[in-house]
Structure formats: C-alpha cells, structure tokens
Protein backbone atom coordinates (compact mmCIF):
# COMPACT_ATOMS: atom_id res chain seq x y z
CA MET A 1 -38.55 53.82 -147.53
CA GLU A 2 -38.16 51.54 -150.54
CA LEU A 3 -40.32 48.57 -151.48
CA ARG A 4 -37.73 46.27 -149.92
CA ASP A 5 -38.04 48.13 -146.64
CA TYR A 6 -41.80 47.70 -146.63
CA LEU A 7 -41.43 43.99 -147.35
CA ASP A 8 -38.97 43.71 -144.47
CA VAL A 9 -41.44 45.49 -142.20
CA ALA A 10 -44.22 43.13 -143.30
CA ARG A 11 -41.99 40.13 -142.64
CA LYS A 12 -40.93 41.32 -139.20
CA ARG A 13 -44.27 42.82 -138.15
CA TRP A 14 -46.65 40.31 -139.68
CA ARG A 15 -48.12 39.54 -136.27
CA VAL A 16 -49.13 43.18 -135.87
CA ILE A 17 -50.71 43.22 -139.33
CA VAL A 18 -52.62 40.01 -138.66
CA ALA A 19 -53.76 41.20 -135.22
CA VAL A 20 -55.04 44.55 -136.51
CA THR A 21 -56.73 42.89 -139.49
CA LEU A 22 -58.50 40.35 -137.29
CA ALA A 23 -59.59 43.12 -134.93
CA VAL A 24 -61.11 45.17 -137.76
CA VAL A 25 -62.79 42.12 -139.29
CA ALA A 26 -64.17 41.20 -135.87
CA ALA A 27 -65.50 44.74 -135.44
CA ALA A 28 -67.13 44.56 -138.87
CA ALA A 29 -68.70 41.20 -138.00
CA LEU A 30 -69.97 42.53 -134.66
CA TRP A 31 -71.45 45.60 -136.32
CA THR A 32 -73.11 43.40 -138.94
CA ALA A 33 -74.58 41.13 -136.29
CA THR A 34 -75.97 43.94 -134.14
CA THR A 35 -77.29 46.22 -136.90
CA THR A 36 -81.04 46.11 -137.52
CA ARG A 37 -81.89 44.57 -140.87
CA THR A 38 -83.61 46.80 -143.38
CA TYR A 39 -85.48 45.83 -146.55
CA ALA A 40 -86.21 47.72 -149.74
CA SER A 41 -88.96 47.79 -152.32
CA THR A 42 -88.78 49.72 -155.61
CA THR A 43 -91.39 51.09 -157.97
CA GLN A 44 -90.70 52.87 -161.27
CA PHE A 45 -92.52 55.64 -163.17
CA PHE A 46 -92.34 56.86 -166.76
CA VAL A 47 -93.14 60.52 -167.41
CA SER A 48 -94.48 61.58 -170.82
CA THR A 49 -96.10 64.66 -172.41
CA SER A 50 -98.58 65.21 -175.19
CA GLY A 51 -97.02 66.83 -178.23
CA GLY A 52 -97.46 67.40 -181.95
CA ASP A 53 -96.96 64.99 -184.78
CA ASN A 54 -93.70 66.46 -186.14
CA ALA A 55 -90.19 65.80 -184.87
CA ALA A 56 -89.68 69.32 -183.57
CA SER A 57 -92.71 69.09 -181.33
CA LEU A 58 -91.63 65.70 -180.01
CA GLN A 59 -88.15 67.00 -179.23
CA GLN A 60 -89.58 69.99 -177.45
CA GLY A 61 -91.86 67.75 -175.38
CA ASN A 62 -88.98 65.46 -174.45
CA THR A 63 -86.89 68.41 -173.23
CA PHE A 64 -89.84 69.67 -171.23
CA THR A 65 -90.33 66.27 -169.59
CA GLN A 66 -86.66 65.87 -168.63
CA ALA A 67 -86.79 69.25 -166.95
CA ARG A 68 -89.99 68.34 -165.16
CA VAL A 69 -88.84 64.96 -163.68
CA LYS A 70 -86.22 66.69 -161.55
CA SER A 71 -88.97 68.62 -159.84
CA TYR A 72 -91.12 65.52 -159.46
CA THR A 73 -88.43 63.77 -157.42
CA GLN A 74 -88.66 66.62 -154.91
CA LEU A 75 -92.43 66.30 -154.74
CA LEU A 76 -92.11 62.64 -153.73
CA GLU A 77 -90.91 63.78 -150.29
CA SER A 78 -93.62 66.41 -149.84
CA PRO A 79 -96.83 66.07 -147.75
CA LYS A 80 -98.80 66.41 -151.02
CA ILE A 81 -97.70 62.87 -151.87
CA LEU A 82 -96.94 61.33 -148.50
CA ASP A 83 -100.05 62.32 -146.51
CA PRO A 84 -102.31 60.23 -148.77
CA VAL A 85 -99.77 57.36 -148.55
CA ILE A 86 -99.89 57.45 -144.75
CA ALA A 87 -103.67 57.44 -144.84
CA ALA A 88 -103.74 54.53 -147.33
CA THR A 89 -101.31 52.32 -145.37
CA GLY A 90 -102.46 53.27 -141.88
CA LEU A 91 -98.94 54.16 -140.72
CA ASP A 92 -98.46 55.85 -137.35
CA THR A 93 -95.91 58.39 -138.57
CA THR A 94 -95.54 61.82 -140.13
CA ALA A 95 -94.72 62.90 -143.67
CA ALA A 96 -91.32 64.20 -142.58
CA ALA A 97 -90.41 60.89 -140.93
CA LEU A 98 -91.66 58.87 -143.87
CA ALA A 99 -89.63 61.04 -146.26
CA GLY A 100 -86.48 59.70 -144.62
CA GLN A 101 -87.40 56.21 -145.84
CA ILE A 102 -87.94 57.25 -149.45
CA SER A 103 -85.32 57.97 -152.11
CA ALA A 104 -86.07 58.98 -155.70
CA THR A 105 -83.52 58.92 -158.53
CA VAL A 106 -83.62 59.77 -162.23
CA PRO A 107 -81.16 57.93 -164.50
CA LEU A 108 -79.16 60.31 -166.67
CA ASP A 109 -80.87 61.54 -169.83
CA THR A 110 -84.07 59.65 -169.09
CA VAL A 111 -87.61 60.44 -168.01
CA VAL A 112 -87.79 57.49 -165.66
CA ILE A 113 -88.18 57.97 -161.93
CA GLU A 114 -87.13 55.17 -159.57
CA VAL A 115 -88.60 55.32 -156.09
CA THR A 116 -87.12 53.06 -153.38
CA VAL A 117 -88.70 52.63 -149.96
CA THR A 118 -86.70 51.12 -147.07
CA ASP A 119 -88.16 49.75 -143.85
CA THR A 120 -87.40 47.23 -141.16
CA SER A 121 -90.24 45.12 -142.60
CA ALA A 122 -90.11 43.84 -146.16
CA THR A 123 -93.94 43.71 -146.38
CA ARG A 124 -94.40 47.24 -145.05
CA ALA A 125 -91.79 48.58 -147.47
CA ALA A 126 -93.71 47.01 -150.38
CA ASP A 127 -97.05 48.41 -149.11
CA ILE A 128 -95.61 51.94 -148.90
CA ALA A 129 -94.16 51.66 -152.41
CA ARG A 130 -97.52 50.46 -153.81
CA ALA A 131 -99.29 53.33 -152.08
CA ILE A 132 -96.86 55.81 -153.67
CA ALA A 133 -97.47 54.15 -157.07
CA GLY A 134 -101.19 54.76 -156.64
CA THR A 135 -100.89 58.31 -155.32
CA PHE A 136 -98.03 59.90 -157.29
CA PRO A 137 -99.54 59.84 -160.84
CA LYS A 138 -102.79 61.43 -159.62
CA ALA A 139 -100.97 64.12 -157.66
CA ILE A 140 -98.84 65.05 -160.71
CA ALA A 141 -101.92 65.19 -162.91
CA ASP A 142 -103.62 67.57 -160.48
CA ILE A 143 -100.55 69.78 -160.23
CA GLU A 144 -99.95 70.00 -163.97
CA GLN A 145 -103.63 70.68 -164.81
CA VAL A 146 -103.72 74.39 -165.52
CA GLN A 147 -107.46 74.69 -166.25
CA SER A 148 -110.24 72.51 -164.94
CA ASP A 149 -111.63 71.86 -168.40
CA GLN A 150 -108.28 70.75 -169.82
CA GLN A 151 -106.26 67.60 -169.18
CA SER A 152 -102.75 67.68 -167.77
CA PRO A 153 -100.08 67.80 -170.48
CA VAL A 154 -97.94 65.43 -168.36
CA LYS A 155 -98.71 61.79 -167.85
CA VAL A 156 -97.04 59.59 -165.21
CA THR A 157 -97.25 55.86 -165.81
CA VAL A 158 -96.28 53.10 -163.41
CA VAL A 159 -93.91 50.80 -165.31
CA LYS A 160 -92.76 48.65 -162.39
CA GLN A 161 -94.90 47.56 -159.48
CA ALA A 162 -93.37 47.18 -156.03
CA ALA A 163 -92.79 43.65 -154.75
CA VAL A 164 -91.81 42.10 -151.45
CA ASP A 165 -88.04 41.37 -151.37
CA PRO A 166 -87.07 39.11 -148.42
CA THR A 167 -83.32 39.85 -148.85
CA PRO A 168 -82.17 42.66 -146.57
CA VAL A 169 -80.30 45.52 -148.17
CA SER A 170 -78.52 46.33 -144.93
CA PRO A 171 -76.40 45.01 -143.41
CA ARG A 172 -74.65 42.95 -146.06
CA PRO A 173 -72.36 40.46 -144.29
CA ALA A 174 -70.18 39.55 -147.26
CA ARG A 175 -69.60 43.16 -148.27
CA ASN A 176 -68.96 44.31 -144.71
CA LEU A 177 -66.48 41.52 -144.02
CA ALA A 178 -64.66 42.18 -147.29
CA LEU A 179 -64.43 45.87 -146.50
CA GLY A 180 -63.28 45.05 -142.96
CA LEU A 181 -60.56 42.78 -144.34
CA ALA A 182 -59.32 45.42 -146.78
CA LEU A 183 -59.44 48.17 -144.17
CA GLY A 184 -57.77 45.91 -141.61
CA LEU A 185 -54.88 45.11 -143.94
CA LEU A 186 -54.33 48.77 -144.72
CA LEU A 187 -54.59 49.80 -141.09
CA GLY A 188 -52.36 46.92 -139.97
CA ALA A 189 -49.71 47.84 -142.52
CA ALA A 190 -49.84 51.46 -141.36
CA VAL A 191 -49.48 50.42 -137.72
CA ALA A 192 -46.58 48.09 -138.59
CA VAL A 193 -44.74 50.81 -140.49
CA LEU A 194 -45.36 53.29 -137.68
CA ARG A 195 -44.08 50.88 -135.05
CA ASP A 196 -41.02 50.12 -137.14
CA VAL A 197 -40.27 53.82 -137.55
CA LEU A 198 -40.75 54.52 -133.85
CA ASP A 199 -38.91 51.36 -132.74
CA GLN A 200 -35.37 52.38 -131.82
CA ARG A 201 -34.12 48.87 -131.14
CA VAL A 202 -31.18 47.61 -133.18
CA LYS A 203 -32.45 44.85 -135.43
CA SER A 204 -30.05 44.67 -138.38
CA SER A 205 -26.68 45.77 -139.66
CA ARG A 206 -28.34 48.76 -141.27
CA ASP A 207 -29.44 49.91 -137.84
CA LEU A 208 -25.84 49.53 -136.68
CA GLU A 209 -24.64 51.69 -139.54
CA SER A 210 -26.84 54.53 -138.27
CA VAL A 211 -25.13 54.35 -134.86
CA THR A 212 -21.49 53.48 -135.47
CA ASP A 213 -18.98 52.87 -138.22
CA ALA A 214 -17.34 50.04 -136.28
CA THR A 215 -16.74 46.82 -138.17
CA VAL A 216 -19.52 44.24 -137.97
CA ILE A 217 -17.50 41.10 -137.20
CA GLY A 218 -20.42 38.74 -137.71
CA GLY A 219 -24.05 37.92 -137.07
CA ILE A 220 -25.42 35.14 -134.86
CA ALA A 221 -28.97 33.91 -135.34
CA TYR A 222 -31.40 33.81 -132.42
CA ASP A 223 -31.86 30.45 -130.76
CA ALA A 224 -34.57 29.97 -128.17
CA ASP A 225 -32.66 26.99 -126.70
CA ALA A 226 -29.42 28.95 -126.25
CA GLY A 227 -30.00 29.13 -122.50
CA ASP A 228 -30.26 25.34 -122.23
CA HIS A 229 -27.49 24.62 -124.75
CA PRO A 230 -25.15 27.61 -124.70
CA LEU A 231 -22.15 25.73 -126.13
CA ILE A 232 -23.57 25.27 -129.60
CA VAL A 233 -20.10 24.80 -131.08
CA GLN A 234 -19.68 21.67 -128.96
CA VAL A 235 -23.28 20.43 -128.87
CA ASP A 236 -24.04 20.84 -132.58
CA PRO A 237 -20.81 21.76 -134.37
CA ARG A 238 -22.40 21.63 -137.83
CA SER A 239 -25.32 23.89 -137.06
CA PRO A 240 -25.67 27.31 -138.73
CA ARG A 241 -25.04 29.05 -135.40
CA ALA A 242 -21.81 27.12 -134.86
CA GLU A 243 -20.67 28.09 -138.34
CA ALA A 244 -21.57 31.68 -137.56
CA PHE A 245 -19.23 31.60 -134.56
CA ARG A 246 -16.47 30.22 -136.75
CA SER A 247 -17.07 33.07 -139.16
CA VAL A 248 -16.74 35.50 -136.26
CA ARG A 249 -13.49 33.80 -135.28
CA THR A 250 -12.09 34.21 -138.79
CA ASN A 251 -13.16 37.82 -139.09
CA LEU A 252 -11.72 38.60 -135.66
CA GLN A 253 -8.33 37.17 -136.64
CA PHE A 254 -8.20 39.37 -139.73
CA ILE A 255 -9.23 42.66 -138.11
CA ASP A 256 -5.61 43.79 -137.95
CA VAL A 257 -3.21 41.34 -139.56
CA THR A 258 -0.16 43.52 -138.85
CA ASP A 259 -0.85 43.78 -135.13
CA ALA A 260 -3.36 41.08 -134.28
CA PRO A 261 -5.16 41.71 -130.96
CA ARG A 262 -4.33 39.04 -128.39
CA THR A 263 -6.18 40.30 -125.30
CA ILE A 264 -9.82 41.15 -125.95
CA VAL A 265 -12.62 42.20 -123.63
CA VAL A 266 -16.09 41.11 -124.76
CA THR A 267 -18.95 43.22 -123.45
CA SER A 268 -22.38 44.56 -124.38
CA SER A 269 -24.54 47.60 -123.75
CA VAL A 270 -27.13 45.99 -121.48
CA ALA A 271 -27.76 42.49 -120.21
CA GLY A 272 -29.42 39.72 -122.17
CA GLU A 273 -27.50 40.37 -125.37
CA GLY A 274 -25.57 37.07 -125.21
CA LYS A 275 -22.03 38.19 -124.43
CA SER A 276 -21.21 35.24 -122.14
CA THR A 277 -22.37 32.59 -124.60
CA THR A 278 -20.51 34.47 -127.32
CA VAL A 279 -17.28 34.39 -125.30
CA ALA A 280 -17.67 30.67 -124.57
CA ASN A 281 -18.34 29.67 -128.17
CA LEU A 282 -15.71 32.02 -129.56
CA GLY A 283 -13.13 30.53 -127.20
CA LEU A 284 -14.05 27.02 -128.33
CA THR A 285 -13.75 27.92 -132.01
CA LEU A 286 -10.36 29.53 -131.45
CA ALA A 287 -9.18 26.44 -129.59
CA GLU A 288 -10.38 24.26 -132.47
CA THR A 289 -7.74 25.81 -134.71
CA GLY A 290 -4.96 24.77 -132.32
CA HIS A 291 -4.55 28.17 -130.70
CA SER A 292 -4.07 28.41 -126.96
CA VAL A 293 -6.92 30.37 -125.42
CA ALA A 294 -7.47 31.75 -121.94
CA ILE A 295 -10.92 32.92 -120.91
CA ILE A 296 -11.29 35.16 -117.87
CA GLU A 297 -14.66 35.51 -116.21
CA GLY A 298 -14.42 39.26 -115.66
CA ASP A 299 -18.05 39.72 -114.62
CA LEU A 300 -17.49 39.98 -110.87
CA ARG A 301 -21.08 40.94 -110.15
CA ARG A 302 -23.26 38.26 -111.73
CA PRO A 303 -20.93 35.65 -113.27
CA ARG A 304 -22.47 33.11 -115.59
CA LEU A 305 -19.70 31.93 -117.88
CA LEU A 306 -18.38 28.98 -115.88
CA GLU A 307 -21.90 27.67 -115.42
CA TYR A 308 -22.29 27.58 -119.20
CA LEU A 309 -18.99 25.74 -119.50
CA GLY A 310 -19.91 23.21 -116.81
CA PHE A 311 -17.56 24.30 -113.99
CA GLU A 312 -18.34 25.25 -110.42
CA GLY A 313 -16.18 26.60 -107.63
CA ALA A 314 -15.22 29.48 -105.44
CA VAL A 315 -11.60 30.10 -106.47
CA GLY A 316 -10.90 32.35 -109.38
CA LEU A 317 -9.93 35.81 -110.52
CA THR A 318 -10.52 37.60 -107.25
CA ASP A 319 -8.28 35.13 -105.41
CA VAL A 320 -5.50 35.78 -107.92
CA LEU A 321 -5.86 39.56 -107.79
CA ILE A 322 -5.62 39.73 -104.00
CA GLY A 323 -2.64 37.37 -103.97
CA ARG A 324 -4.37 34.41 -102.35
CA LEU A 325 -3.57 32.12 -105.31
CA GLU A 326 -1.38 32.13 -108.37
CA ALA A 327 -3.00 32.18 -111.79
CA HIS A 328 -2.04 28.61 -112.64
CA GLU A 329 -3.64 27.40 -109.41
CA ALA A 330 -7.04 28.86 -110.28
CA MET A 331 -7.11 28.13 -114.01
CA GLN A 332 -9.01 25.12 -115.32
CA GLN A 333 -8.64 23.22 -118.57
CA PHE A 334 -11.67 22.58 -120.74
CA GLY A 335 -11.49 18.92 -121.63
CA ARG A 336 -8.45 18.01 -123.73
CA SER A 337 -8.49 21.30 -125.64
CA ASP A 338 -6.02 24.14 -125.26
CA LEU A 339 -8.76 26.24 -123.71
CA TRP A 340 -8.14 27.41 -120.13
CA LEU A 341 -10.63 29.10 -117.85
CA LEU A 342 -10.17 31.53 -114.98
CA GLY A 343 -13.44 31.90 -113.12
CA ALA A 344 -14.64 34.95 -111.25
CA GLY A 345 -14.16 33.57 -107.77
CA PRO A 346 -15.88 35.09 -104.72
CA ILE A 347 -17.97 38.20 -105.42
CA PRO A 348 -16.01 41.25 -104.16
CA PRO A 349 -17.55 44.45 -102.80
CA ASN A 350 -15.48 46.63 -105.16
CA PRO A 351 -15.40 44.99 -108.61
CA SER A 352 -14.46 48.12 -110.57
CA GLU A 353 -11.50 48.94 -108.37
CA LEU A 354 -10.30 45.35 -108.43
CA LEU A 355 -10.53 45.06 -112.21
CA GLY A 356 -8.68 48.33 -112.69
CA SER A 357 -5.90 47.46 -110.29
CA PRO A 358 -2.23 46.98 -111.27
CA SER A 359 -2.62 43.30 -110.38
CA MET A 360 -5.24 42.91 -113.10
CA ALA A 361 -3.08 44.71 -115.63
CA ALA A 362 -0.10 42.49 -114.75
CA LEU A 363 -2.24 39.35 -115.02
CA ILE A 364 -3.52 40.31 -118.45
CA GLU A 365 0.00 41.12 -119.58
CA ARG A 366 1.35 37.75 -118.41
CA LEU A 367 -1.47 35.75 -119.94
CA GLY A 368 -1.29 37.77 -123.15
CA GLN A 369 2.36 36.81 -123.55
CA ARG A 370 1.77 33.10 -122.99
CA PHE A 371 -1.56 32.52 -124.76
CA ASP A 372 -2.48 33.18 -128.35
CA HIS A 373 -5.80 34.68 -127.28
CA VAL A 374 -7.09 36.01 -123.97
CA LEU A 375 -10.84 36.67 -123.85
CA ILE A 376 -12.39 38.53 -120.93
CA ASP A 377 -16.12 38.25 -120.31
CA ALA A 378 -16.96 41.69 -118.92
CA PRO A 379 -20.23 43.13 -117.53
CA PRO A 380 -22.43 45.38 -119.69
CA LEU A 381 -21.19 48.90 -120.29
CA LEU A 382 -24.21 50.96 -119.31
CA PRO A 383 -24.97 49.65 -115.81
CA VAL A 384 -21.37 49.71 -114.52
CA THR A 385 -17.91 50.89 -115.55
CA ASP A 386 -16.14 47.52 -115.26
CA ALA A 387 -15.95 46.86 -119.00
CA ALA A 388 -14.73 50.40 -119.73
CA VAL A 389 -11.99 49.98 -117.13
CA LEU A 390 -10.94 46.65 -118.61
CA SER A 391 -10.86 48.10 -122.13
CA THR A 392 -7.89 50.26 -121.11
CA LEU A 393 -5.88 47.15 -120.15
CA VAL A 394 -6.39 45.05 -123.31
CA ASP A 395 -5.71 45.30 -127.02
CA GLY A 396 -9.33 46.03 -127.84
CA ALA A 397 -12.99 45.49 -127.07
CA VAL A 398 -15.68 43.57 -128.93
CA VAL A 399 -19.23 44.74 -128.28
CA VAL A 400 -22.02 42.16 -128.57
CA VAL A 401 -25.23 43.76 -129.83
CA GLY A 402 -28.41 41.85 -129.10
CA ALA A 403 -30.83 42.41 -131.98
CA GLY A 404 -34.17 43.46 -130.58
CA VAL A 405 -32.73 43.90 -127.08
CA VAL A 406 -30.68 47.09 -127.14
CA THR A 407 -31.83 50.43 -128.51
CA ARG A 408 -29.78 52.68 -130.74
CA ASP A 409 -29.39 55.26 -127.99
CA GLN A 410 -28.19 52.61 -125.54
CA LEU A 411 -25.63 51.30 -128.01
CA ARG A 412 -24.49 54.83 -128.81
CA HIS A 413 -23.99 55.62 -125.12
CA ALA A 414 -22.15 52.33 -124.58
CA LEU A 415 -19.72 53.05 -127.40
CA ASP A 416 -19.28 56.58 -126.12
CA SER A 417 -18.26 55.20 -122.73
CA LEU A 418 -15.49 53.20 -124.41
CA GLU A 419 -14.39 56.21 -126.42
CA ALA A 420 -14.29 58.33 -123.27
CA VAL A 421 -11.53 56.11 -121.81
CA ASN A 422 -9.76 55.76 -125.19
CA GLY A 423 -10.79 52.13 -125.45
CA ARG A 424 -10.26 50.53 -128.85
CA VAL A 425 -13.40 49.03 -130.37
CA LEU A 426 -12.35 46.12 -132.57
CA GLY A 427 -15.87 45.60 -133.86
CA VAL A 428 -19.39 44.55 -132.99
CA ILE A 429 -21.10 41.17 -133.15
CA LEU A 430 -24.78 41.29 -134.05
CA ASN A 431 -26.33 38.56 -131.91
CA ARG A 432 -29.90 37.26 -131.55
CA LEU A 433 -30.90 38.08 -135.11
CA GLN A 434 -34.68 37.83 -135.35
CA ALA A 435 -34.48 38.85 -131.68
CA GLY A 436 -36.63 38.01 -128.73
CA GLU A 437 -37.12 39.63 -125.40
CA GLY A 438 -34.53 39.44 -122.67
CA GLY A 439 -32.56 41.30 -120.06
CA ALA A 440 -31.43 39.69 -116.84
CA TYR A 441 -29.70 42.84 -115.66
CA GLY A 442 -32.55 45.18 -116.46
CA THR A 443 -32.08 48.24 -118.61
CA TYR A 444 -29.68 50.14 -116.38
CA ALA A 445 -29.94 48.25 -113.10
CA TYR A 446 -27.01 46.08 -112.20
CA ASP A 447 -26.97 44.85 -108.64
CA TYR A 448 -25.78 41.70 -106.99
CA SER A 449 -26.96 39.71 -104.04
CA ALA A 450 -25.82 36.85 -101.89
CA ASP A 451 -27.38 34.24 -104.13
CA THR A 452 -24.91 35.07 -106.87
CA GLU A 453 -21.88 34.18 -104.75
CA ARG A 454 -20.21 30.87 -105.47
CA THR A 455 -19.72 28.61 -102.49
CA THR A 456 -18.94 25.32 -104.19
CA ALA A 457 -15.48 24.34 -105.33
CA ARG A 458 -14.43 24.78 -108.91
CA GLY A 459 -11.79 22.44 -110.19
CA PRO A 460 -8.57 24.46 -110.21
CA GLY A 461 -7.16 22.87 -113.34
CA ARG A 462 -3.56 23.25 -114.45
CA LEU A 463 -1.73 25.21 -117.07
CA PRO A 464 -0.08 23.41 -119.97
CA ALA A 465 3.28 21.80 -119.32
CA TRP A 466 5.08 24.44 -121.34
CA LEU A 467 3.83 27.01 -118.83
CA THR A 468 4.81 25.13 -115.67
CA ARG A 469 8.08 23.36 -116.60
CA GLY A 470 10.16 26.51 -116.43
CA SER A 471 13.43 24.90 -115.29
CA ARG A 472 13.86 22.89 -118.47
CA GLY A 473 14.43 25.96 -120.58
CA SER A 474 12.40 24.51 -123.46
CA ALA A 475 11.10 26.87 -126.10
CA ARG A 476 7.60 27.15 -127.56
CA PRO A 477 7.42 29.63 -130.43
CA GLY A 478 4.42 31.91 -130.46
CA ARG A 479 1.91 31.64 -133.25
CA TYR A 480 2.37 35.30 -134.00
CA GLY A 481 6.16 35.21 -134.24
CA ARG A 482 6.89 35.66 -130.56
CA GLY A 483 9.34 33.18 -129.00
CA ARG A 484 8.44 31.77 -125.61
CA THR A 485 10.89 30.10 -123.26
CA GLY A 486 9.71 27.76 -120.59
CA THR A 487 11.62 29.64 -117.88
CA ASP A 488 10.02 32.94 -118.82
CA ALA A 489 6.58 31.34 -118.92
CA ALA A 490 6.92 29.87 -115.45
CA GLU A 491 8.13 33.13 -113.97
CA ALA A 492 5.54 35.25 -115.77
CA VAL A 493 2.47 33.15 -115.03
CA THR A 494 3.24 31.20 -111.91
CA GLY A 495 5.24 33.89 -110.15
CA GLY A 496 8.61 32.11 -110.15
CA ALA A 497 10.09 28.85 -108.95
CA ASP A 498 8.67 29.22 -105.45
CA ALA A 499 5.08 29.18 -106.62
CA VAL A 500 2.76 26.84 -104.80
CA ALA A 501 2.00 23.64 -106.70
CA PRO A 502 -1.63 23.26 -107.85
CA ALA A 503 -3.94 21.39 -105.54
CA ARG A 504 -6.36 18.83 -106.92
CA ALA A 505 -10.06 19.61 -106.94
CA THR A 506 -13.09 18.21 -108.68
CA THR A 507 -15.75 19.52 -110.97
CA ARG A 508 -19.41 18.72 -110.90
CA THR A 509 -20.75 15.69 -112.68
CA GLY A 510 -20.73 16.15 -116.41
CA ALA A 511 -17.99 18.82 -116.41
CA PRO A 512 -15.21 18.42 -118.98
CA ALA A 513 -12.39 16.22 -117.80
CA GLY A 514 -9.80 18.97 -117.35
CA ARG A 515 -7.24 16.93 -115.43
CA THR A 516 -6.68 14.08 -117.86
CA GLY A 517 -3.06 13.19 -118.42
CA ILE A 518 -1.81 14.55 -115.06
CA ARG A 519 0.81 12.37 -113.42
CA PRO A 520 3.22 12.88 -110.52
CA THR A 521 6.88 13.25 -111.45
CA PRO A 522 9.86 12.72 -109.15
CA PRO A 523 11.96 15.71 -108.12
CA ARG A 524 14.87 16.60 -110.34
CA THR A 525 18.36 16.87 -108.98
CA ASP A 526 18.82 20.20 -110.71
CA ASP A 527 15.77 21.74 -108.98
CA PRO A 528 16.93 24.68 -106.85
CA ARG A 529 14.53 23.56 -104.17
CA ALA A 530 15.83 19.97 -104.06
CA GLY A 531 16.80 20.30 -100.43
CA ASP A 532 13.45 21.63 -99.35
CA ALA A 533 10.50 19.58 -98.29
CA ASP A 534 8.32 21.17 -100.94
CA ALA A 535 10.81 20.37 -103.66
CA ALA A 536 11.00 16.73 -102.54
CA ALA A 537 7.25 16.29 -102.96
CA PRO A 538 6.02 15.07 -106.34
CA ARG A 539 4.79 17.84 -108.64
CA PRO A 540 1.78 17.35 -110.94
CA GLU A 541 2.52 17.63 -114.59
CA VAL A 542 0.34 17.72 -117.68
CA ALA A 543 1.35 15.01 -120.12
CA ARG A 544 2.04 16.10 -123.64
CA ARG A 545 -0.81 15.25 -125.97
C-alpha cells in the first residue's frame, strides 16, 4: 500500500481509529486511577580512598574506587545493610522484601552511588532512606577494614540527605495518558488497515477494477434522503447527484456510437444498491434531451419503481404479457415529458417464466422500435434469474454497484451469471459512494408476500399520438436514423386497428399529470371500422405539444 492508500483508509475508517484510541486512553485512565500511588526518596553517597601525594597514586586509587562501587551497590540489598535499617525504622518486614523497594545506581565513570527507596508512604520512604544513609557508610568501613588496628582505605560520605517528596512517582497521569493516546492511535491505525484489507465490499472504482474490466459508466454519491426523494433529477436538478445522473446518461449514449443500445436492462447483484432510483433518474435525464423513453418495471417480485415515480395501480406488464391488455392501455405518461411507464401489474407466481416468454421478447422488440430508449428495472441477479433472462432479450445490461453494499465475490458471481447466458454487459454504475448500510432483499433471499401485491388502480396513461394515429400514415424519423411510420407504430405497439381504446383512470394525489392534452376526436370517414359501434365512439388522442 502507498501513502495515498493509507490516507484513504484513515479518511474512510476514522471512526475506527477514534474509537480504538478512546478505548486505549480510557483504559490508561482507569489503570492510573486504580493503581496504588507510590513515593520515592533518594540519598546519595560519594566513595573515596586514601592514596599517595603523586598523580600515579591518585589515579590508582580512583580506579580502585570505581571498581569497588559496583560491589557496594550489591551490598545495599544484603541483610548486612538492611537488617540494621529494619531495626532502626521498626518496619515489620524482612530484608528480602525490603530489598525490592531499594534500587542503587552508579552514574557512568563516577564514584557516586544513588540509592532510591520507594514506598506507598512518602514519609516512610524518607525514613528508610535516612536509615540507609546512617548504616551504609559504617558497614562499608567494617567490611574494608583488613586489620583491627588499621583504618579502612575506603571512605563513604553522604552527599545528599533523603527528604520527603509528596509527589508520587507512580502512577503519572500525564505520562500514562500521553502513552495511551500514542498507543491508541497506532493500534487504531493498525485495526483500520486490517479491516480495510479484510473488507471485501466494493467501495471505489479501484475495487471494481479488481473484479471486472467492464466500463464504469459513472459514479453516484450516497444520499441519506434518497429514499424520501428518489427523483433527485426532478426535485433538485442542479444538485451534484442530478449532474452525476446526467453524466451517466452521456456516457451511456457513447458506449457504442456505431450501434447504440436502445433496450437496456438495469440490475444489481443484491438489493439495496439503488437500481430502481437509478432507472427512474436515468429515464428522466434521457427524456430531458428530447428522447422518447419507455421504462418497464420488470421487478415482478417486489416492485418499487412506480411508487418512486408517484403512480399506483394494478394494471401493468403482467396484464400485457398474458394478453389481458395491450401495451398502450397499460402505459402511463410522466407529466408532459416523453417518458412513458409500464408498471409491473399484479404479482405473478412465475416471474422468471413470464419474463422469458415470447410475449416479453415481442414487447421489448416493439417498444425498442418505437422508443429511443427502453429501460427495464430488473430484480437483483444473485437472488433470482429474472435479470439474467431479460439480458438475453435486450441490447445490453447495466449493473448498478452499491458501494459498501455488495462484496467483490457477490459482484463477480453476478457478472458471471450474465456471462453464462451470453448477456452483454454495457457497463457498471458505482452508486452510493461513501456507502451506508442497506439491503431490502437480504443477501441472497428474495421472496415475496401478499403485501407486495398492488390492489389500487394505476392510471393507464396513453402513448404519444404518433404511436396511436396509425391510419394517418404520418412519419416520425427515429433519432438513430430509423424511419417510423404511424401505421407501423400502431400495428407494432397497439396490436393493429382493432386494439381496444385506452380507458381513463386516475393516479393518486400528487402524481404527475399524465393525461394532459387528451381530447376526444370524432370518427373519421376513412376509418375501416366506421360502420362499427366501436369505431363510432370518440377515441382519445394526445394533443401535440
């Protein structure tokens, strides 16, 4: 890992670093508060020898003394010194136990001995040090006296008397907290790096590169309010997220300029990655450019798309596939835009079989010929096979990758499922950058229940006039160089001249006014059904905008 990688880890995992640091500092503070305070008192001795008057004798005496002081420090812990100290201070202890409270050091190249006594009482530590100062010189003189009629050649002099120091030497709160802070930062950084290494979730485009070489069409930032305001392109068209969707739109249009994909299935690996909101906003951005867009709610298990777009109802894709309705009867217009919606309809017991049926293939083919873009919101790839089945019927698939939601293995398996059916992956959209938690479907669970069925009416909407006025023979050139005649459009989408005219329905309060501009028109004398009762009835028509 490079320095930049560590900085990225620190930025992403700063909560872990802070948490570990606070935990270590708290542990250091607790240890400091519960540790018994100890105090110290120090006395100092100077060791000298008697020598001659010349320099050689003095040097020899100095060398002798330096060699001797090392042995004297060992004697300070012996009963020869400590038994008299215990007797002088009246301590209820042994020489071995008292030796654990005494430390003697000799500074380098000196003949000075520093003796430090530690105890839980500052006064008692000073008393023990004073007793050692009174006992140690006499004991050394007795040991070094070779003959009774001669004085000891070594003299130990007390140069520093012990004093009572009320400041405890242990614990030291400031030092302990500083060490805890430093240790906590190091430990927190180590934990953050370890978690980042072990974390297999996709979090950036670099993680995507380790899984697939598919084109990254764009990146969408995470928005905690996306569930409440999914249509960011309409609610806040100048926001960074709305601009990100426009960037995705542009990149999608230039994926293959020679053979631009018109029918696209949008899916993900698992739930909670934001595929439905991506489809809705992408459809709006495409419609902004003047393109005609059809969105199919292909999630026949837990549909959510029409709720995001503000529509409710029971008629939709399943009704069209089983022949109960024609496509133009179930499609709804989003406001005054050229965006048309085909909801899921009633929840079927066999979604995969229905989506892979010839009826679905024919529907996609008809809509693909008459709309500039057809977007299909499909279920996640891992729980069910619906999206993989749909990928064989369209020009390509776009996989939405929720940063922080899906793991690399899950994404790899999802892409493998598309490859297994020879599905074309147009690219991936990295969504929820700076990801949060989520997953309505669960990791691999994908079930449906009765509460997901739609029982309220969705406004059926109507196709544009150039799709329904087939008898006029008017032409509408395609935006990709494909000519479209009105007669062909009516036959392809509505099923011919005998198709049932759309029935009026309503949307819930606040839904986009999809039926604006509709007016009844009298029957034409050239209508082949002029003699029939159905032909004599007024037919709704969408006024040209």
